[in-house]
N, C-alpha and C. Protein backbone atom coordinates (compact mmCIF):
# COMPACT_ATOMS: atom_id res chain seq x y z
N MET A 1 9.37 -8.05 -8.82
CA MET A 1 9.61 -7.01 -8.64
C MET A 1 9.78 -5.86 -7.56
N GLN A 2 10.64 -5.15 -7.69
CA GLN A 2 11.03 -4.23 -6.32
C GLN A 2 9.82 -3.05 -6.36
N HIS A 3 8.39 -3.54 -5.94
CA HIS A 3 7.78 -2.13 -6.74
C HIS A 3 6.66 -2.99 -5.10
N GLY A 4 5.58 -2.19 -4.52
CA GLY A 4 4.94 -2.20 -3.56
C GLY A 4 4.35 -1.75 -2.91
N LEU A 5 3.11 -1.55 -3.43
CA LEU A 5 1.68 -0.58 -3.23
C LEU A 5 0.94 -0.76 -2.00
N ARG A 6 0.76 0.37 -1.51
CA ARG A 6 -0.74 -0.17 -0.23
C ARG A 6 -1.77 -0.29 -0.87
N ASP A 7 -1.86 0.09 -1.90
CA ASP A 7 -3.72 -0.17 -2.93
C ASP A 7 -3.48 -1.03 -3.85
N ALA A 8 -4.12 -1.77 -4.33
CA ALA A 8 -5.23 -3.16 -4.60
C ALA A 8 -4.31 -2.31 -5.99
N VAL A 9 -4.07 -2.82 -6.61
CA VAL A 9 -3.92 -3.02 -8.47
C VAL A 9 -4.80 -4.01 -9.05
N PRO A 10 -5.40 -3.15 -10.46
CA PRO A 10 -5.94 -4.68 -11.05
C PRO A 10 -4.87 -5.25 -11.92
N THR A 11 -5.59 -5.96 -11.51
CA THR A 11 -4.50 -7.05 -12.91
C THR A 11 -4.00 -7.11 -14.15
N ARG A 12 -5.26 -6.32 -14.62
CA ARG A 12 -5.19 -5.97 -16.06
C ARG A 12 -4.88 -5.01 -16.23
N THR A 13 -4.38 -4.30 -14.83
CA THR A 13 -3.38 -3.12 -15.26
C THR A 13 -1.84 -3.69 -15.56
N LEU A 14 -1.02 -4.55 -14.58
CA LEU A 14 -0.39 -4.63 -14.15
C LEU A 14 0.45 -5.52 -15.96
N ILE A 15 -0.68 -6.55 -16.54
CA ILE A 15 -0.60 -6.59 -17.86
C ILE A 15 -0.10 -5.45 -18.96
N ARG A 16 -1.01 -4.75 -18.45
CA ARG A 16 -1.27 -3.34 -19.86
C ARG A 16 0.22 -2.88 -19.67
N LEU A 17 1.04 -2.48 -18.44
CA LEU A 17 2.23 -2.32 -18.24
C LEU A 17 3.00 -3.09 -19.02
N LEU A 18 2.76 -4.16 -18.55
CA LEU A 18 3.96 -5.58 -19.25
C LEU A 18 3.81 -5.42 -21.04
N ALA A 19 2.37 -5.43 -21.44
CA ALA A 19 2.65 -5.50 -23.00
C ALA A 19 2.60 -4.14 -23.38
N ASP A 20 2.60 -2.45 -22.74
CA ASP A 20 3.23 -1.40 -22.97
C ASP A 20 4.68 -1.41 -22.95
N ALA A 21 5.58 -2.51 -22.18
CA ALA A 21 7.08 -2.73 -22.19
C ALA A 21 7.39 -3.38 -22.98
N ALA A 22 6.33 -4.23 -23.22
CA ALA A 22 7.19 -4.91 -24.59
C ALA A 22 6.75 -4.36 -26.19
N GLY A 23 6.42 -3.24 -25.95
CA GLY A 23 6.00 -2.45 -27.20
C GLY A 23 4.65 -3.31 -27.60
N TYR A 24 3.98 -3.85 -27.31
CA TYR A 24 2.35 -3.90 -27.20
C TYR A 24 1.58 -3.49 -27.66
N ALA A 25 0.63 -3.17 -28.71
CA ALA A 25 -0.05 -1.62 -28.47
C ALA A 25 -2.00 -2.38 -29.24
N GLY A 26 -1.54 -3.56 -29.30
CA GLY A 26 -2.87 -4.58 -29.64
C GLY A 26 -3.89 -4.62 -27.92
N GLU A 27 -4.96 -5.29 -28.11
CA GLU A 27 -6.12 -5.13 -27.31
C GLU A 27 -5.33 -6.66 -25.98
N VAL A 28 -5.61 -6.78 -25.20
CA VAL A 28 -4.95 -7.38 -24.24
C VAL A 28 -6.36 -7.99 -23.74
N LEU A 29 -7.40 -9.30 -24.26
CA LEU A 29 -7.94 -10.12 -23.81
C LEU A 29 -7.94 -11.16 -22.69
N GLU A 30 -9.07 -11.04 -21.71
CA GLU A 30 -9.23 -11.51 -20.70
C GLU A 30 -9.33 -13.06 -20.86
N ALA A 31 -8.97 -13.58 -20.62
CA ALA A 31 -9.55 -15.78 -20.61
C ALA A 31 -10.62 -15.58 -19.71
N ASP A 32 -11.74 -16.37 -19.94
CA ASP A 32 -13.14 -16.86 -19.25
C ASP A 32 -12.79 -18.08 -19.73
N PRO A 33 -13.23 -18.86 -18.55
CA PRO A 33 -12.92 -19.10 -17.04
C PRO A 33 -11.88 -18.24 -17.04
N PRO A 34 -11.15 -17.96 -15.17
CA PRO A 34 -9.97 -17.56 -15.03
C PRO A 34 -9.32 -18.89 -14.99
N SER A 35 -8.39 -19.42 -14.65
CA SER A 35 -7.36 -20.24 -14.70
C SER A 35 -7.83 -20.09 -13.02
N ALA A 36 -7.60 -21.85 -12.98
CA ALA A 36 -8.22 -23.21 -11.43
C ALA A 36 -7.26 -22.69 -11.14
N LYS A 37 -5.85 -22.66 -11.31
CA LYS A 37 -4.85 -21.96 -10.22
C LYS A 37 -5.01 -20.60 -9.61
N SER A 38 -5.61 -19.70 -9.65
CA SER A 38 -5.91 -18.52 -9.22
C SER A 38 -7.16 -18.46 -9.61
N PRO A 39 -8.18 -19.06 -8.85
CA PRO A 39 -9.67 -18.43 -9.72
C PRO A 39 -10.17 -16.38 -9.04
N GLY A 40 -10.78 -15.77 -9.14
CA GLY A 40 -10.91 -14.92 -8.99
C GLY A 40 -10.18 -14.09 -8.38
N VAL A 41 -9.24 -14.56 -8.25
CA VAL A 41 -7.42 -12.94 -8.53
C VAL A 41 -7.59 -12.08 -9.69
N ASP A 42 -8.62 -10.91 -9.20
CA ASP A 42 -8.01 -9.74 -10.63
C ASP A 42 -7.92 -8.77 -9.96
N TRP A 43 -6.80 -8.86 -8.79
CA TRP A 43 -6.04 -7.67 -8.39
C TRP A 43 -4.77 -8.12 -7.74
N ILE A 44 -3.91 -7.01 -7.07
CA ILE A 44 -2.36 -7.72 -7.02
C ILE A 44 -2.15 -5.96 -5.81
N ALA A 45 -1.98 -7.13 -4.44
CA ALA A 45 -1.45 -5.87 -3.46
C ALA A 45 -0.52 -6.16 -3.04
N ALA A 46 0.08 -5.74 -2.08
CA ALA A 46 1.61 -5.37 -1.52
C ALA A 46 1.39 -4.58 -0.18
N ASP A 47 1.51 -5.23 0.55
CA ASP A 47 2.01 -4.39 2.03
C ASP A 47 3.09 -4.52 2.59
N LEU A 48 3.96 -3.56 2.44
CA LEU A 48 5.60 -3.24 2.72
C LEU A 48 5.93 -2.54 3.59
N THR A 49 4.57 -2.47 4.81
CA THR A 49 4.65 -2.15 5.66
C THR A 49 5.21 -2.18 6.89
N HIS A 50 5.82 -3.41 6.85
CA HIS A 50 7.29 -4.30 8.37
C HIS A 50 7.96 -3.89 7.72
N THR A 51 8.02 -4.18 6.24
CA THR A 51 10.07 -4.44 5.70
C THR A 51 10.47 -3.12 5.52
N THR A 52 9.17 -2.17 5.30
CA THR A 52 9.83 -0.29 5.77
C THR A 52 10.25 -0.66 6.94
N GLU A 53 9.42 -0.39 8.02
CA GLU A 53 9.98 -0.32 9.33
C GLU A 53 10.77 -0.77 10.32
N VAL A 54 11.28 -2.55 9.78
CA VAL A 54 12.62 -3.18 10.37
C VAL A 54 13.43 -2.68 9.49
N LEU A 55 13.13 -3.07 8.00
CA LEU A 55 14.83 -3.00 7.46
C LEU A 55 14.85 -1.16 6.48
N GLY A 56 13.89 -0.28 7.10
CA GLY A 56 14.58 0.38 6.38
C GLY A 56 14.02 0.35 4.84
N TRP A 57 13.18 0.02 4.40
CA TRP A 57 13.79 -0.79 3.05
C TRP A 57 12.42 -0.02 1.82
N ALA A 58 12.05 0.52 0.99
CA ALA A 58 11.46 0.85 0.43
C ALA A 58 11.49 0.80 -1.56
N PRO A 59 10.82 0.32 -2.05
CA PRO A 59 10.77 0.36 -3.68
C PRO A 59 11.42 1.69 -4.00
N ARG A 60 11.34 0.98 -4.96
CA ARG A 60 12.64 2.10 -5.77
C ARG A 60 12.23 2.67 -6.82
N TYR A 61 11.57 2.28 -7.79
CA TYR A 61 10.56 2.30 -8.81
C TYR A 61 8.89 2.20 -8.91
N ASP A 62 8.61 3.04 -9.34
CA ASP A 62 7.04 2.84 -9.32
C ASP A 62 6.51 1.86 -10.05
N LEU A 63 5.34 1.55 -10.09
CA LEU A 63 4.72 0.40 -11.16
C LEU A 63 5.17 0.00 -12.45
N ALA A 64 5.09 1.39 -13.56
CA ALA A 64 5.53 0.72 -14.55
C ALA A 64 6.71 1.25 -14.61
N ALA A 65 7.57 1.32 -14.39
CA ALA A 65 8.92 1.39 -14.12
C ALA A 65 9.29 -0.03 -13.75
N SER A 66 9.16 -0.65 -13.05
CA SER A 66 9.35 -1.60 -12.47
C SER A 66 8.79 -2.57 -13.69
N ALA A 67 7.28 -3.10 -13.85
CA ALA A 67 6.77 -3.78 -15.41
C ALA A 67 8.39 -3.32 -16.30
N GLU A 68 8.48 -2.19 -16.70
CA GLU A 68 9.70 -1.81 -17.76
C GLU A 68 11.11 -2.84 -17.27
N ALA A 69 11.20 -2.55 -17.06
CA ALA A 69 12.55 -3.24 -16.08
C ALA A 69 12.54 -4.49 -16.31
N THR A 70 11.51 -4.79 -15.92
CA THR A 70 10.88 -6.41 -15.07
C THR A 70 10.82 -7.16 -16.69
N TRP A 71 10.70 -6.54 -17.99
CA TRP A 71 10.06 -6.89 -18.98
C TRP A 71 11.60 -6.77 -20.11
N VAL A 72 12.86 -5.93 -19.55
CA VAL A 72 13.94 -5.54 -20.11
C VAL A 72 14.73 -6.71 -19.36
N HIS A 73 14.81 -7.21 -18.31
CA HIS A 73 15.74 -7.97 -17.72
C HIS A 73 15.21 -9.22 -17.97
N ALA A 74 14.05 -9.88 -18.31
CA ALA A 74 13.67 -10.47 -18.65
C ALA A 74 13.97 -10.86 -20.42
N LEU A 75 14.25 -10.33 -21.06
CA LEU A 75 15.10 -10.14 -22.95
C LEU A 75 16.64 -10.55 -22.40
N THR A 76 17.23 -9.38 -21.95
CA THR A 76 18.52 -9.69 -21.62
C THR A 76 18.71 -11.29 -21.40
N THR A 77 17.74 -11.68 -20.42
CA THR A 77 18.65 -13.41 -20.19
C THR A 77 18.21 -14.58 -20.38
N VAL A 78 17.25 -14.22 -21.01
CA VAL A 78 16.71 -15.59 -21.92
C VAL A 78 17.33 -16.15 -22.75
């Protein structure tokens, strides 16, 4: 996604945004226990300070628009 936030976002927030983009209005359930690949990872964050300073790059989309664009791209390329 072309998105970066200074503040951490709960993983469940991103999953809900992807579910919304997919048109899924049902409940999103969390599995217990967490995956062995990423135990305890319940948030996502990106610090783009260096990228912005060096390259002058900044995200073009907010998190919701980025999730929707990712979903649409996945639908059109699979």
